[in-house]
Amino acid sequence: MRRGVIEAVALVALVTTGCEPTDGSEYIPGSYSVRESGVSLRVGGAACGQQPGTGNCPSVLMGLQPGNKLYPLCQQRGQLVGRNTWWVYADAPSGNRGWVASWFLTCPTNRLPGIDNCTAADLD
């Protein structure tokens, strides 16, 4: 009996990330929702990939709205936003790809679990 309970708990841990949305939106595995309005998806030059932030990633590709789904490719430490220095490089609506501060995503942790740090190959 005890083994069955342990296996069930392990299965639940594998299926969930700990970052399911708390805003009532549908959870799509591998995606995160934007939790605030006025959030920008940003791009820039080499400095943007090394230390993402508003100064190093000055070009805004698009504005994001609450509930927009993002699909993270990797993450990197950058400019402090709120109490979080992690930025996420992600696929966004309309085929856009860029940086967004992790602070604005529906995840209770600063660093997204299961998402690797960015490498130069991720940013090509």
N, C-alpha and C. Protein backbone atom coordinates (compact mmCIF):
# COMPACT_ATOMS: atom_id res chain seq x y z
N MET A 1 0.83 -1.19 0.00
CA MET A 1 0.00 0.00 0.00
C MET A 1 0.87 1.26 0.00
N ARG A 2 1.88 1.28 0.87
CA ARG A 2 2.72 2.47 0.98
C ARG A 2 3.46 2.73 -0.32
N ARG A 3 3.93 1.68 -0.99
CA ARG A 3 4.64 1.83 -2.26
C ARG A 3 3.74 2.50 -3.30
N GLY A 4 2.46 2.11 -3.34
CA GLY A 4 1.51 2.70 -4.28
C GLY A 4 1.32 4.19 -4.05
N VAL A 5 1.27 4.60 -2.79
CA VAL A 5 1.13 6.02 -2.46
C VAL A 5 2.37 6.78 -2.89
N ILE A 6 3.55 6.24 -2.65
CA ILE A 6 4.80 6.90 -3.04
C ILE A 6 4.87 7.03 -4.55
N GLU A 7 4.48 5.98 -5.29
CA GLU A 7 4.49 6.05 -6.75
C GLU A 7 3.52 7.10 -7.26
N ALA A 8 2.35 7.20 -6.64
CA ALA A 8 1.36 8.20 -7.06
C ALA A 8 1.89 9.61 -6.83
N VAL A 9 2.54 9.85 -5.69
CA VAL A 9 3.12 11.17 -5.40
C VAL A 9 4.22 11.49 -6.40
N ALA A 10 5.06 10.52 -6.73
CA ALA A 10 6.12 10.73 -7.70
C ALA A 10 5.55 11.07 -9.08
N LEU A 11 4.47 10.41 -9.47
CA LEU A 11 3.84 10.68 -10.76
C LEU A 11 3.29 12.10 -10.80
N VAL A 12 2.63 12.54 -9.75
CA VAL A 12 2.11 13.90 -9.69
C VAL A 12 3.25 14.90 -9.78
N ALA A 13 4.36 14.64 -9.12
CA ALA A 13 5.51 15.54 -9.17
C ALA A 13 6.07 15.64 -10.58
N LEU A 14 6.05 14.56 -11.34
CA LEU A 14 6.54 14.60 -12.71
C LEU A 14 5.61 15.37 -13.63
N VAL A 15 4.31 15.31 -13.38
CA VAL A 15 3.33 15.92 -14.27
C VAL A 15 3.20 17.42 -14.03
N THR A 16 3.39 17.88 -12.80
CA THR A 16 3.22 19.29 -12.49
C THR A 16 4.56 19.96 -12.31
N THR A 17 4.60 21.27 -12.57
CA THR A 17 5.84 22.02 -12.45
C THR A 17 5.90 22.84 -11.18
N GLY A 18 4.78 23.01 -10.51
CA GLY A 18 4.74 23.92 -9.38
C GLY A 18 4.44 25.34 -9.83
N CYS A 19 4.23 25.54 -11.11
CA CYS A 19 3.98 26.88 -11.65
C CYS A 19 2.68 26.94 -12.43
N GLU A 20 1.72 26.10 -12.08
CA GLU A 20 0.44 26.17 -12.75
C GLU A 20 -0.19 27.52 -12.44
N PRO A 21 -0.95 28.09 -13.37
CA PRO A 21 -1.51 29.41 -13.16
C PRO A 21 -2.43 29.47 -11.96
N THR A 22 -2.38 30.58 -11.28
CA THR A 22 -3.25 30.81 -10.14
C THR A 22 -4.33 31.83 -10.50
N ASP A 23 -4.37 32.22 -11.78
CA ASP A 23 -5.32 33.25 -12.22
C ASP A 23 -6.57 32.66 -12.86
N GLY A 24 -6.76 31.33 -12.76
CA GLY A 24 -7.94 30.70 -13.31
C GLY A 24 -7.80 30.31 -14.77
N SER A 25 -6.68 30.65 -15.42
CA SER A 25 -6.50 30.31 -16.83
C SER A 25 -6.14 28.83 -16.95
N GLU A 26 -6.35 28.28 -18.15
CA GLU A 26 -6.05 26.87 -18.40
C GLU A 26 -4.55 26.65 -18.40
N TYR A 27 -4.12 25.57 -17.76
CA TYR A 27 -2.70 25.23 -17.75
C TYR A 27 -2.36 24.40 -18.97
N ILE A 28 -1.38 24.84 -19.74
CA ILE A 28 -0.85 24.09 -20.88
C ILE A 28 0.58 23.74 -20.50
N PRO A 29 0.92 22.45 -20.35
CA PRO A 29 2.28 22.08 -19.94
C PRO A 29 3.34 22.75 -20.80
N GLY A 30 4.37 23.29 -20.13
CA GLY A 30 5.45 23.99 -20.84
C GLY A 30 5.16 25.44 -21.10
N SER A 31 3.99 25.92 -20.66
CA SER A 31 3.65 27.32 -20.88
C SER A 31 3.44 28.03 -19.55
N TYR A 32 3.57 29.33 -19.61
CA TYR A 32 3.32 30.18 -18.46
C TYR A 32 2.47 31.35 -18.93
N SER A 33 1.62 31.86 -18.06
CA SER A 33 0.76 32.98 -18.42
C SER A 33 1.35 34.28 -17.90
N VAL A 34 1.12 35.35 -18.65
CA VAL A 34 1.45 36.69 -18.20
C VAL A 34 0.41 37.07 -17.15
N ARG A 35 0.84 37.67 -16.04
CA ARG A 35 -0.10 37.96 -14.96
C ARG A 35 -0.45 39.43 -14.79
N GLU A 36 0.16 40.31 -15.58
CA GLU A 36 -0.12 41.74 -15.46
C GLU A 36 -0.23 42.36 -16.84
N SER A 37 -0.87 43.52 -16.92
CA SER A 37 -0.93 44.24 -18.20
C SER A 37 0.28 45.16 -18.32
N GLY A 38 0.56 45.59 -19.54
CA GLY A 38 1.67 46.51 -19.78
C GLY A 38 3.03 45.84 -19.78
N VAL A 39 3.07 44.52 -19.95
CA VAL A 39 4.32 43.77 -19.97
C VAL A 39 4.84 43.76 -21.41
N SER A 40 6.15 43.97 -21.58
CA SER A 40 6.74 44.02 -22.92
C SER A 40 7.58 42.78 -23.21
N LEU A 41 7.47 42.29 -24.44
CA LEU A 41 8.36 41.27 -24.97
C LEU A 41 9.47 42.02 -25.68
N ARG A 42 10.73 41.82 -25.25
CA ARG A 42 11.85 42.67 -25.69
C ARG A 42 12.92 41.89 -26.44
N VAL A 43 13.65 42.62 -27.29
CA VAL A 43 14.83 42.10 -27.99
C VAL A 43 15.89 43.18 -28.00
N GLY A 44 17.10 42.79 -28.41
CA GLY A 44 18.21 43.73 -28.50
C GLY A 44 19.43 43.03 -29.05
N GLY A 45 20.58 43.60 -28.84
CA GLY A 45 21.83 43.04 -29.34
C GLY A 45 22.42 42.01 -28.41
N ALA A 46 23.73 41.83 -28.51
CA ALA A 46 24.45 40.81 -27.74
C ALA A 46 24.29 41.03 -26.23
N ALA A 47 24.30 42.28 -25.80
CA ALA A 47 24.16 42.57 -24.36
C ALA A 47 22.82 42.10 -23.83
N CYS A 48 21.81 42.10 -24.67
CA CYS A 48 20.47 41.65 -24.27
C CYS A 48 20.51 40.18 -23.87
N GLY A 49 21.22 39.35 -24.62
CA GLY A 49 21.31 37.93 -24.31
C GLY A 49 22.19 37.61 -23.13
N GLN A 50 23.14 38.52 -22.84
CA GLN A 50 24.05 38.29 -21.71
C GLN A 50 23.46 38.74 -20.39
N GLN A 51 22.77 39.87 -20.42
CA GLN A 51 22.11 40.38 -19.21
C GLN A 51 20.84 41.13 -19.62
N PRO A 52 19.75 40.38 -19.79
CA PRO A 52 18.51 41.00 -20.26
C PRO A 52 17.98 42.05 -19.29
N GLY A 53 17.35 43.05 -19.86
CA GLY A 53 16.74 44.12 -19.09
C GLY A 53 16.25 45.20 -20.04
N THR A 54 15.63 46.21 -19.51
CA THR A 54 15.06 47.27 -20.35
C THR A 54 16.14 48.06 -21.09
N GLY A 55 17.31 48.25 -20.48
CA GLY A 55 18.39 48.99 -21.12
C GLY A 55 19.12 48.18 -22.18
N ASN A 56 19.37 46.91 -21.91
CA ASN A 56 20.09 46.05 -22.84
C ASN A 56 19.18 45.45 -23.92
N CYS A 57 17.89 45.48 -23.71
CA CYS A 57 16.90 44.96 -24.67
C CYS A 57 15.91 46.09 -24.98
N PRO A 58 16.37 47.14 -25.67
CA PRO A 58 15.54 48.34 -25.81
C PRO A 58 14.36 48.22 -26.78
N SER A 59 14.39 47.25 -27.68
CA SER A 59 13.32 47.15 -28.68
C SER A 59 12.16 46.31 -28.14
N VAL A 60 10.97 46.87 -28.19
CA VAL A 60 9.77 46.17 -27.74
C VAL A 60 9.10 45.54 -28.96
N LEU A 61 9.03 44.21 -28.98
CA LEU A 61 8.37 43.50 -30.09
C LEU A 61 6.87 43.62 -30.01
N MET A 62 6.36 43.50 -28.80
CA MET A 62 4.91 43.55 -28.61
C MET A 62 4.59 43.73 -27.13
N GLY A 63 3.41 44.22 -26.87
CA GLY A 63 2.88 44.28 -25.51
C GLY A 63 2.17 42.98 -25.21
N LEU A 64 2.29 42.52 -23.99
CA LEU A 64 1.64 41.29 -23.56
C LEU A 64 0.53 41.64 -22.58
N GLN A 65 -0.50 40.84 -22.58
CA GLN A 65 -1.66 41.07 -21.73
C GLN A 65 -1.84 39.90 -20.77
N PRO A 66 -2.53 40.12 -19.65
CA PRO A 66 -2.80 39.02 -18.73
C PRO A 66 -3.45 37.84 -19.45
N GLY A 67 -2.93 36.65 -19.18
CA GLY A 67 -3.45 35.45 -19.81
C GLY A 67 -2.72 35.03 -21.07
N ASN A 68 -1.94 35.95 -21.70
CA ASN A 68 -1.14 35.54 -22.86
C ASN A 68 -0.23 34.39 -22.44
N LYS A 69 -0.13 33.36 -23.28
CA LYS A 69 0.72 32.21 -22.99
C LYS A 69 2.10 32.42 -23.60
N LEU A 70 3.13 32.10 -22.83
CA LEU A 70 4.52 32.12 -23.29
C LEU A 70 5.09 30.72 -23.13
N TYR A 71 5.98 30.35 -24.05
CA TYR A 71 6.60 29.04 -24.04
C TYR A 71 8.11 29.22 -23.90
N PRO A 72 8.63 29.15 -22.66
CA PRO A 72 10.05 29.43 -22.41
C PRO A 72 10.99 28.48 -23.13
N LEU A 73 12.05 29.06 -23.70
CA LEU A 73 13.11 28.30 -24.33
C LEU A 73 14.31 28.18 -23.39
N CYS A 74 14.57 29.26 -22.64
CA CYS A 74 15.68 29.28 -21.69
C CYS A 74 15.50 30.51 -20.79
N GLN A 75 16.40 30.67 -19.82
CA GLN A 75 16.32 31.83 -18.92
C GLN A 75 17.71 32.29 -18.53
N GLN A 76 17.80 33.53 -18.11
CA GLN A 76 19.09 34.17 -17.81
C GLN A 76 18.87 35.23 -16.73
N ARG A 77 19.86 35.39 -15.87
CA ARG A 77 19.78 36.49 -14.89
C ARG A 77 20.01 37.81 -15.61
N GLY A 78 19.28 38.83 -15.16
CA GLY A 78 19.40 40.15 -15.76
C GLY A 78 18.98 41.23 -14.78
N GLN A 79 18.35 42.26 -15.31
CA GLN A 79 17.92 43.41 -14.52
C GLN A 79 16.89 42.99 -13.46
N LEU A 80 17.01 43.54 -12.28
CA LEU A 80 16.07 43.28 -11.21
C LEU A 80 14.71 43.90 -11.54
N VAL A 81 13.66 43.08 -11.49
CA VAL A 81 12.29 43.55 -11.68
C VAL A 81 11.49 42.98 -10.51
N GLY A 82 10.86 43.84 -9.75
CA GLY A 82 10.22 43.38 -8.52
C GLY A 82 11.29 42.89 -7.58
N ARG A 83 11.21 41.64 -7.20
CA ARG A 83 12.24 41.02 -6.36
C ARG A 83 12.89 39.86 -7.10
N ASN A 84 12.99 39.96 -8.44
CA ASN A 84 13.41 38.83 -9.26
C ASN A 84 14.38 39.30 -10.34
N THR A 85 15.53 38.64 -10.46
CA THR A 85 16.51 39.00 -11.48
C THR A 85 16.46 38.06 -12.70
N TRP A 86 15.54 37.10 -12.73
CA TRP A 86 15.47 36.15 -13.84
C TRP A 86 14.62 36.70 -14.98
N TRP A 87 15.13 36.53 -16.21
CA TRP A 87 14.42 36.88 -17.44
C TRP A 87 14.28 35.62 -18.27
N VAL A 88 13.18 35.51 -18.99
CA VAL A 88 12.87 34.32 -19.77
C VAL A 88 12.87 34.66 -21.26
N TYR A 89 13.57 33.84 -22.03
CA TYR A 89 13.55 33.96 -23.50
C TYR A 89 12.50 32.96 -23.97
N ALA A 90 11.45 33.46 -24.64
CA ALA A 90 10.29 32.61 -24.89
C ALA A 90 9.64 32.88 -26.24
N ASP A 91 8.93 31.86 -26.71
CA ASP A 91 8.02 32.02 -27.84
C ASP A 91 6.75 32.64 -27.30
N ALA A 92 6.23 33.62 -28.04
CA ALA A 92 5.06 34.38 -27.59
C ALA A 92 4.00 34.37 -28.69
N PRO A 93 2.85 35.00 -28.43
CA PRO A 93 1.80 35.05 -29.45
C PRO A 93 2.29 35.66 -30.77
N SER A 94 1.63 35.29 -31.84
CA SER A 94 1.89 35.80 -33.20
C SER A 94 3.27 35.43 -33.72
N GLY A 95 3.88 34.36 -33.20
CA GLY A 95 5.17 33.90 -33.70
C GLY A 95 6.35 34.74 -33.25
N ASN A 96 6.16 35.61 -32.28
CA ASN A 96 7.26 36.43 -31.76
C ASN A 96 8.10 35.64 -30.77
N ARG A 97 9.36 36.04 -30.64
CA ARG A 97 10.29 35.42 -29.70
C ARG A 97 11.13 36.53 -29.09
N GLY A 98 11.18 36.56 -27.76
CA GLY A 98 11.97 37.59 -27.09
C GLY A 98 12.03 37.37 -25.59
N TRP A 99 12.46 38.43 -24.90
CA TRP A 99 12.70 38.38 -23.46
C TRP A 99 11.55 39.02 -22.69
N VAL A 100 11.22 38.42 -21.55
CA VAL A 100 10.26 38.99 -20.61
C VAL A 100 10.76 38.70 -19.20
N ALA A 101 10.57 39.65 -18.31
CA ALA A 101 10.96 39.45 -16.92
C ALA A 101 10.10 38.36 -16.29
N SER A 102 10.75 37.40 -15.66
CA SER A 102 10.04 36.29 -15.02
C SER A 102 9.06 36.78 -13.96
N TRP A 103 9.31 37.93 -13.39
CA TRP A 103 8.45 38.53 -12.37
C TRP A 103 7.00 38.62 -12.84
N PHE A 104 6.79 38.79 -14.15
CA PHE A 104 5.44 39.00 -14.68
C PHE A 104 4.73 37.71 -15.09
N LEU A 105 5.33 36.55 -14.82
CA LEU A 105 4.72 35.28 -15.19
C LEU A 105 4.07 34.60 -13.99
N THR A 106 3.08 33.77 -14.27
CA THR A 106 2.35 33.08 -13.20
C THR A 106 3.15 31.88 -12.70
N CYS A 107 4.18 32.17 -11.96
CA CYS A 107 4.99 31.13 -11.34
C CYS A 107 5.44 31.66 -9.98
N PRO A 108 5.23 30.90 -8.92
CA PRO A 108 5.57 31.41 -7.60
C PRO A 108 7.07 31.43 -7.30
N THR A 109 7.89 30.88 -8.18
CA THR A 109 9.33 30.89 -7.96
C THR A 109 9.98 31.93 -8.87
N ASN A 110 11.13 32.43 -8.49
CA ASN A 110 11.84 33.39 -9.34
C ASN A 110 12.38 32.73 -10.60
N ARG A 111 13.10 31.64 -10.44
CA ARG A 111 13.66 30.89 -11.57
C ARG A 111 12.68 29.80 -11.94
N LEU A 112 12.31 29.74 -13.23
CA LEU A 112 11.34 28.74 -13.65
C LEU A 112 11.94 27.34 -13.54
N PRO A 113 11.24 26.42 -12.91
CA PRO A 113 11.77 25.06 -12.76
C PRO A 113 11.80 24.34 -14.11
N GLY A 114 12.87 23.58 -14.33
CA GLY A 114 12.98 22.77 -15.53
C GLY A 114 13.37 23.52 -16.79
N ILE A 115 13.67 24.81 -16.68
CA ILE A 115 14.08 25.62 -17.83
C ILE A 115 15.57 25.92 -17.66
N ASP A 116 16.38 25.54 -18.66
CA ASP A 116 17.84 25.74 -18.59
C ASP A 116 18.24 27.19 -18.74
N ASN A 117 19.45 27.50 -18.27
CA ASN A 117 20.04 28.81 -18.55
C ASN A 117 20.30 28.92 -20.05
N CYS A 118 20.25 30.12 -20.58
CA CYS A 118 20.44 30.34 -22.01
C CYS A 118 21.89 30.15 -22.42
N THR A 119 22.08 29.62 -23.62
CA THR A 119 23.39 29.54 -24.25
C THR A 119 23.30 30.31 -25.56
N ALA A 120 24.44 30.57 -26.18
CA ALA A 120 24.45 31.30 -27.45
C ALA A 120 23.59 30.59 -28.50
N ALA A 121 23.59 29.25 -28.49
CA ALA A 121 22.80 28.49 -29.46
C ALA A 121 21.30 28.72 -29.28
N ASP A 122 20.85 28.94 -28.04
CA ASP A 122 19.43 29.19 -27.78
C ASP A 122 18.97 30.51 -28.40
N LEU A 123 19.88 31.45 -28.53
CA LEU A 123 19.53 32.81 -28.93
C LEU A 123 19.70 33.07 -30.41
N ASP A 124 20.11 32.05 -31.18
CA ASP A 124 20.26 32.21 -32.64
C ASP A 124 18.93 32.25 -33.34
